[in-house]
Every structure is written in structure tokens, then in C-alpha cells.
Amino acid sequence: MPGRSQQEVRGEVLEISFGAGLNLPHYPSHIKKLTTIEPNSGMNKITQKRLMMVDGCG
């Protein structure tokens, strides 16, 4: 989803199939809340590491 459409999101965002969180750096800082759904529980460790590297998520 990276690109113009992602920069235009506002308010609260729901991302389905979040995976390893590769889209995180592409979300604008002005969104109020990001809720994610990832059916593969094995991705949780990868995602947690990525969250710690993104400013404002840790």
C-alpha cells in the first residue's frame, strides 16, 4: 500500500494482513490510531522488533 493513498489516511486506520509491518514507515505521523490484524501468529516477534524501530511506537 505504500504511496499516495497511504499518505492521505486520517483518523483511525485498520490494516488487515499486517505481516511484518513493512508498511509502518509509510504511514503519516498524523494518524490517531493504527489497528492491525495478522492471522499468522509467527509474525508477532518480527512485528514487535519493527515497532521498536519506528519513532513513537515503543
PDB file of N, CA and C in Angstrom:
ATOM      1  N   MET A   1       0.784  -1.204   0.000  1.00  0.00           N
ATOM      2  CA  MET A   1       0.000   0.000   0.000  1.00  0.00           C
ATOM      3  C   MET A   1       0.831   1.276   0.000  1.00  0.00           C
ATOM      4  N   PRO A   2       2.123   1.231   0.163  1.00  0.00           N
ATOM      5  CA  PRO A   2       2.890   2.470   0.195  1.00  0.00           C
ATOM      6  C   PRO A   2       2.609   3.331  -1.026  1.00  0.00           C
ATOM      7  N   GLY A   3       2.526   4.604  -0.796  1.00  0.00           N
ATOM      8  CA  GLY A   3       2.268   5.528  -1.891  1.00  0.00           C
ATOM      9  C   GLY A   3       1.336   6.638  -1.469  1.00  0.00           C
ATOM     10  N   ARG A   4       0.810   7.302  -2.443  1.00  0.00           N
ATOM     11  CA  ARG A   4      -0.034   8.469  -2.205  1.00  0.00           C
ATOM     12  C   ARG A   4      -1.254   8.152  -1.345  1.00  0.00           C
ATOM     13  N   SER A   5      -1.934   7.053  -1.617  1.00  0.00           N
ATOM     14  CA  SER A   5      -3.152   6.741  -0.868  1.00  0.00           C
ATOM     15  C   SER A   5      -2.867   6.568   0.622  1.00  0.00           C
ATOM     16  N   GLN A   6      -1.723   6.040   0.963  1.00  0.00           N
ATOM     17  CA  GLN A   6      -1.386   5.839   2.371  1.00  0.00           C
ATOM     18  C   GLN A   6      -1.104   7.173   3.055  1.00  0.00           C
ATOM     19  N   GLN A   7      -0.554   8.113   2.361  1.00  0.00           N
ATOM     20  CA  GLN A   7      -0.278   9.424   2.945  1.00  0.00           C
ATOM     21  C   GLN A   7      -1.552  10.220   3.189  1.00  0.00           C
ATOM     22  N   GLU A   8      -2.637   9.849   2.534  1.00  0.00           N
ATOM     23  CA  GLU A   8      -3.894  10.585   2.660  1.00  0.00           C
ATOM     24  C   GLU A   8      -4.800  10.053   3.769  1.00  0.00           C
ATOM     25  N   VAL A   9      -4.408   8.982   4.455  1.00  0.00           N
ATOM     26  CA  VAL A   9      -5.265   8.428   5.506  1.00  0.00           C
ATOM     27  C   VAL A   9      -5.339   9.390   6.687  1.00  0.00           C
ATOM     28  N   ARG A  10      -6.473   9.333   7.380  1.00  0.00           N
ATOM     29  CA  ARG A  10      -6.713  10.213   8.524  1.00  0.00           C
ATOM     30  C   ARG A  10      -7.367   9.413   9.642  1.00  0.00           C
ATOM     31  N   GLY A  11      -7.272   9.918  10.852  1.00  0.00           N
ATOM     32  CA  GLY A  11      -8.007   9.333  11.966  1.00  0.00           C
ATOM     33  C   GLY A  11      -7.495   7.970  12.376  1.00  0.00           C
ATOM     34  N   GLU A  12      -8.408   7.011  12.461  1.00  0.00           N
ATOM     35  CA  GLU A  12      -8.077   5.648  12.870  1.00  0.00           C
ATOM     36  C   GLU A  12      -7.994   4.753  11.640  1.00  0.00           C
ATOM     37  N   VAL A  13      -6.961   3.905  11.597  1.00  0.00           N
ATOM     38  CA  VAL A  13      -6.693   3.065  10.433  1.00  0.00           C
ATOM     39  C   VAL A  13      -6.690   1.602  10.854  1.00  0.00           C
ATOM     40  N   LEU A  14      -7.267   0.756  10.030  1.00  0.00           N
ATOM     41  CA  LEU A  14      -7.239  -0.697  10.228  1.00  0.00           C
ATOM     42  C   LEU A  14      -6.472  -1.305   9.067  1.00  0.00           C
ATOM     43  N   GLU A  15      -5.384  -2.018   9.363  1.00  0.00           N
ATOM     44  CA  GLU A  15      -4.646  -2.733   8.321  1.00  0.00           C
ATOM     45  C   GLU A  15      -4.821  -4.228   8.555  1.00  0.00           C
ATOM     46  N   ILE A  16      -5.358  -4.898   7.551  1.00  0.00           N
ATOM     47  CA  ILE A  16      -5.589  -6.338   7.609  1.00  0.00           C
ATOM     48  C   ILE A  16      -4.441  -7.039   6.897  1.00  0.00           C
ATOM     49  N   SER A  17      -3.957  -8.136   7.461  1.00  0.00           N
ATOM     50  CA  SER A  17      -2.769  -8.861   6.973  1.00  0.00           C
ATOM     51  C   SER A  17      -1.541  -7.968   7.107  1.00  0.00           C
ATOM     52  N   PHE A  18      -1.285  -7.553   8.311  1.00  0.00           N
ATOM     53  CA  PHE A  18      -0.195  -6.625   8.641  1.00  0.00           C
ATOM     54  C   PHE A  18       1.183  -7.208   8.362  1.00  0.00           C
ATOM     55  N   GLY A  19       1.314  -8.518   8.462  1.00  0.00           N
ATOM     56  CA  GLY A  19       2.596  -9.167   8.181  1.00  0.00           C
ATOM     57  C   GLY A  19       3.683  -8.717   9.134  1.00  0.00           C
ATOM     58  N   ALA A  20       4.846  -8.399   8.580  1.00  0.00           N
ATOM     59  CA  ALA A  20       5.995  -7.985   9.387  1.00  0.00           C
ATOM     60  C   ALA A  20       6.022  -6.483   9.633  1.00  0.00           C
ATOM     61  N   GLY A  21       4.973  -5.791   9.244  1.00  0.00           N
ATOM     62  CA  GLY A  21       4.906  -4.352   9.491  1.00  0.00           C
ATOM     63  C   GLY A  21       5.692  -3.506   8.517  1.00  0.00           C
ATOM     64  N   LEU A  22       5.893  -3.994   7.311  1.00  0.00           N
ATOM     65  CA  LEU A  22       6.687  -3.256   6.331  1.00  0.00           C
ATOM     66  C   LEU A  22       6.064  -1.922   5.932  1.00  0.00           C
ATOM     67  N   ASN A  23       4.769  -1.770   6.128  1.00  0.00           N
ATOM     68  CA  ASN A  23       4.107  -0.511   5.783  1.00  0.00           C
ATOM     69  C   ASN A  23       4.262   0.563   6.851  1.00  0.00           C
ATOM     70  N   LEU A  24       4.714   0.214   8.034  1.00  0.00           N
ATOM     71  CA  LEU A  24       4.787   1.174   9.141  1.00  0.00           C
ATOM     72  C   LEU A  24       5.481   2.490   8.784  1.00  0.00           C
ATOM     73  N   PRO A  25       6.635   2.461   8.171  1.00  0.00           N
ATOM     74  CA  PRO A  25       7.315   3.728   7.883  1.00  0.00           C
ATOM     75  C   PRO A  25       6.563   4.614   6.890  1.00  0.00           C
ATOM     76  N   HIS A  26       5.590   4.048   6.195  1.00  0.00           N
ATOM     77  CA  HIS A  26       4.876   4.798   5.166  1.00  0.00           C
ATOM     78  C   HIS A  26       3.614   5.484   5.676  1.00  0.00           C
ATOM     79  N   TYR A  27       3.217   5.198   6.913  1.00  0.00           N
ATOM     80  CA  TYR A  27       2.044   5.858   7.475  1.00  0.00           C
ATOM     81  C   TYR A  27       2.429   7.254   7.940  1.00  0.00           C
ATOM     82  N   PRO A  28       1.559   8.231   7.711  1.00  0.00           N
ATOM     83  CA  PRO A  28       1.857   9.587   8.179  1.00  0.00           C
ATOM     84  C   PRO A  28       1.750   9.675   9.704  1.00  0.00           C
ATOM     85  N   SER A  29       2.474  10.576  10.286  1.00  0.00           N
ATOM     86  CA  SER A  29       2.500  10.696  11.746  1.00  0.00           C
ATOM     87  C   SER A  29       1.203  11.261  12.318  1.00  0.00           C
ATOM     88  N   HIS A  30       0.350  11.832  11.478  1.00  0.00           N
ATOM     89  CA  HIS A  30      -0.865  12.459  11.991  1.00  0.00           C
ATOM     90  C   HIS A  30      -2.024  11.484  12.225  1.00  0.00           C
ATOM     91  N   ILE A  31      -1.884  10.197  11.889  1.00  0.00           N
ATOM     92  CA  ILE A  31      -2.991   9.284  12.174  1.00  0.00           C
ATOM     93  C   ILE A  31      -3.114   9.113  13.684  1.00  0.00           C
ATOM     94  N   LYS A  32      -4.343   8.953  14.159  1.00  0.00           N
ATOM     95  CA  LYS A  32      -4.582   8.864  15.600  1.00  0.00           C
ATOM     96  C   LYS A  32      -4.342   7.472  16.147  1.00  0.00           C
ATOM     97  N   LYS A  33      -4.691   6.450  15.373  1.00  0.00           N
ATOM     98  CA  LYS A  33      -4.589   5.082  15.867  1.00  0.00           C
ATOM     99  C   LYS A  33      -4.429   4.133  14.686  1.00  0.00           C
ATOM    100  N   LEU A  34      -3.534   3.166  14.826  1.00  0.00           N
ATOM    101  CA  LEU A  34      -3.350   2.118  13.826  1.00  0.00           C
ATOM    102  C   LEU A  34      -3.658   0.789  14.492  1.00  0.00           C
ATOM    103  N   THR A  35      -4.689   0.115  14.001  1.00  0.00           N
ATOM    104  CA  THR A  35      -5.056  -1.209  14.487  1.00  0.00           C
ATOM    105  C   THR A  35      -4.685  -2.199  13.400  1.00  0.00           C
ATOM    106  N   THR A  36      -4.023  -3.285  13.794  1.00  0.00           N
ATOM    107  CA  THR A  36      -3.584  -4.265  12.799  1.00  0.00           C
ATOM    108  C   THR A  36      -4.153  -5.642  13.105  1.00  0.00           C
ATOM    109  N   ILE A  37      -4.339  -6.397  12.041  1.00  0.00           N
ATOM    110  CA  ILE A  37      -4.771  -7.787  12.152  1.00  0.00           C
ATOM    111  C   ILE A  37      -3.806  -8.620  11.321  1.00  0.00           C
ATOM    112  N   GLU A  38      -3.237  -9.650  11.936  1.00  0.00           N
ATOM    113  CA  GLU A  38      -2.343 -10.571  11.231  1.00  0.00           C
ATOM    114  C   GLU A  38      -2.682 -11.983  11.671  1.00  0.00           C
ATOM    115  N   PRO A  39      -3.221 -12.798  10.755  1.00  0.00           N
ATOM    116  CA  PRO A  39      -3.615 -14.154  11.118  1.00  0.00           C
ATOM    117  C   PRO A  39      -2.447 -15.100  11.404  1.00  0.00           C
ATOM    118  N   ASN A  40      -1.253 -14.780  10.920  1.00  0.00           N
ATOM    119  CA  ASN A  40      -0.089 -15.636  11.127  1.00  0.00           C
ATOM    120  C   ASN A  40       0.588 -15.239  12.439  1.00  0.00           C
ATOM    121  N   SER A  41       0.373 -16.009  13.490  1.00  0.00           N
ATOM    122  CA  SER A  41       0.924 -15.666  14.806  1.00  0.00           C
ATOM    123  C   SER A  41       2.452 -15.660  14.824  1.00  0.00           C
ATOM    124  N   GLY A  42       3.088 -16.317  13.890  1.00  0.00           N
ATOM    125  CA  GLY A  42       4.539 -16.330  13.814  1.00  0.00           C
ATOM    126  C   GLY A  42       5.137 -14.979  13.471  1.00  0.00           C
ATOM    127  N   MET A  43       4.332 -14.082  12.968  1.00  0.00           N
ATOM    128  CA  MET A  43       4.815 -12.749  12.598  1.00  0.00           C
ATOM    129  C   MET A  43       4.942 -11.823  13.805  1.00  0.00           C
ATOM    130  N   ASN A  44       4.385 -12.190  14.931  1.00  0.00           N
ATOM    131  CA  ASN A  44       4.366 -11.300  16.094  1.00  0.00           C
ATOM    132  C   ASN A  44       5.752 -10.855  16.550  1.00  0.00           C
ATOM    133  N   LYS A  45       6.712 -11.756  16.615  1.00  0.00           N
ATOM    134  CA  LYS A  45       8.064 -11.386  17.055  1.00  0.00           C
ATOM    135  C   LYS A  45       8.709 -10.413  16.077  1.00  0.00           C
ATOM    136  N   ILE A  46       8.546 -10.677  14.801  1.00  0.00           N
ATOM    137  CA  ILE A  46       9.110  -9.800  13.769  1.00  0.00           C
ATOM    138  C   ILE A  46       8.485  -8.418  13.867  1.00  0.00           C
ATOM    139  N   THR A  47       7.180  -8.396  14.022  1.00  0.00           N
ATOM    140  CA  THR A  47       6.461  -7.128  14.103  1.00  0.00           C
ATOM    141  C   THR A  47       6.870  -6.342  15.342  1.00  0.00           C
ATOM    142  N   GLN A  48       7.019  -6.992  16.476  1.00  0.00           N
ATOM    143  CA  GLN A  48       7.427  -6.305  17.703  1.00  0.00           C
ATOM    144  C   GLN A  48       8.789  -5.640  17.534  1.00  0.00           C
ATOM    145  N   LYS A  49       9.723  -6.324  16.883  1.00  0.00           N
ATOM    146  CA  LYS A  49      11.047  -5.742  16.644  1.00  0.00           C
ATOM    147  C   LYS A  49      10.932  -4.509  15.757  1.00  0.00           C
ATOM    148  N   ARG A  50      10.114  -4.595  14.726  1.00  0.00           N
ATOM    149  CA  ARG A  50       9.942  -3.470  13.809  1.00  0.00           C
ATOM    150  C   ARG A  50       9.284  -2.281  14.526  1.00  0.00           C
ATOM    151  N   LEU A  51       8.323  -2.564  15.386  1.00  0.00           N
ATOM    152  CA  LEU A  51       7.659  -1.490  16.129  1.00  0.00           C
ATOM    153  C   LEU A  51       8.641  -0.724  17.005  1.00  0.00           C
ATOM    154  N   MET A  52       9.605  -1.406  17.580  1.00  0.00           N
ATOM    155  CA  MET A  52      10.591  -0.753  18.439  1.00  0.00           C
ATOM    156  C   MET A  52      11.505   0.178  17.643  1.00  0.00           C
ATOM    157  N   MET A  53      11.612  -0.033  16.339  1.00  0.00           N
ATOM    158  CA  MET A  53      12.474   0.794  15.496  1.00  0.00           C
ATOM    159  C   MET A  53      11.747   2.015  14.934  1.00  0.00           C
ATOM    160  N   VAL A  54      10.427   2.056  15.048  1.00  0.00           N
ATOM    161  CA  VAL A  54       9.652   3.162  14.499  1.00  0.00           C
ATOM    162  C   VAL A  54       9.402   4.192  15.588  1.00  0.00           C
ATOM    163  N   ASP A  55       9.762   5.422  15.324  1.00  0.00           N
ATOM    164  CA  ASP A  55       9.598   6.511  16.291  1.00  0.00           C
ATOM    165  C   ASP A  55       8.138   6.650  16.702  1.00  0.00           C
ATOM    166  N   GLY A  56       7.890   6.694  17.987  1.00  0.00           N
ATOM    167  CA  GLY A  56       6.550   6.867  18.517  1.00  0.00           C
ATOM    168  C   GLY A  56       5.797   5.577  18.762  1.00  0.00           C
ATOM    169  N   CYS A  57       6.419   4.441  18.475  1.00  0.00           N
ATOM    170  CA  CYS A  57       5.731   3.156  18.655  1.00  0.00           C
ATOM    171  C   CYS A  57       6.260   2.363  19.834  1.00  0.00           C
ATOM    172  N   GLY A  58       7.297   2.810  20.467  1.00  0.00           N
ATOM    173  CA  GLY A  58       7.882   1.984  21.503  1.00  0.00           C
ATOM    174  C   GLY A  58       7.776   2.475  22.853  1.00  0.00           C
TER     175      GLY A  58
END
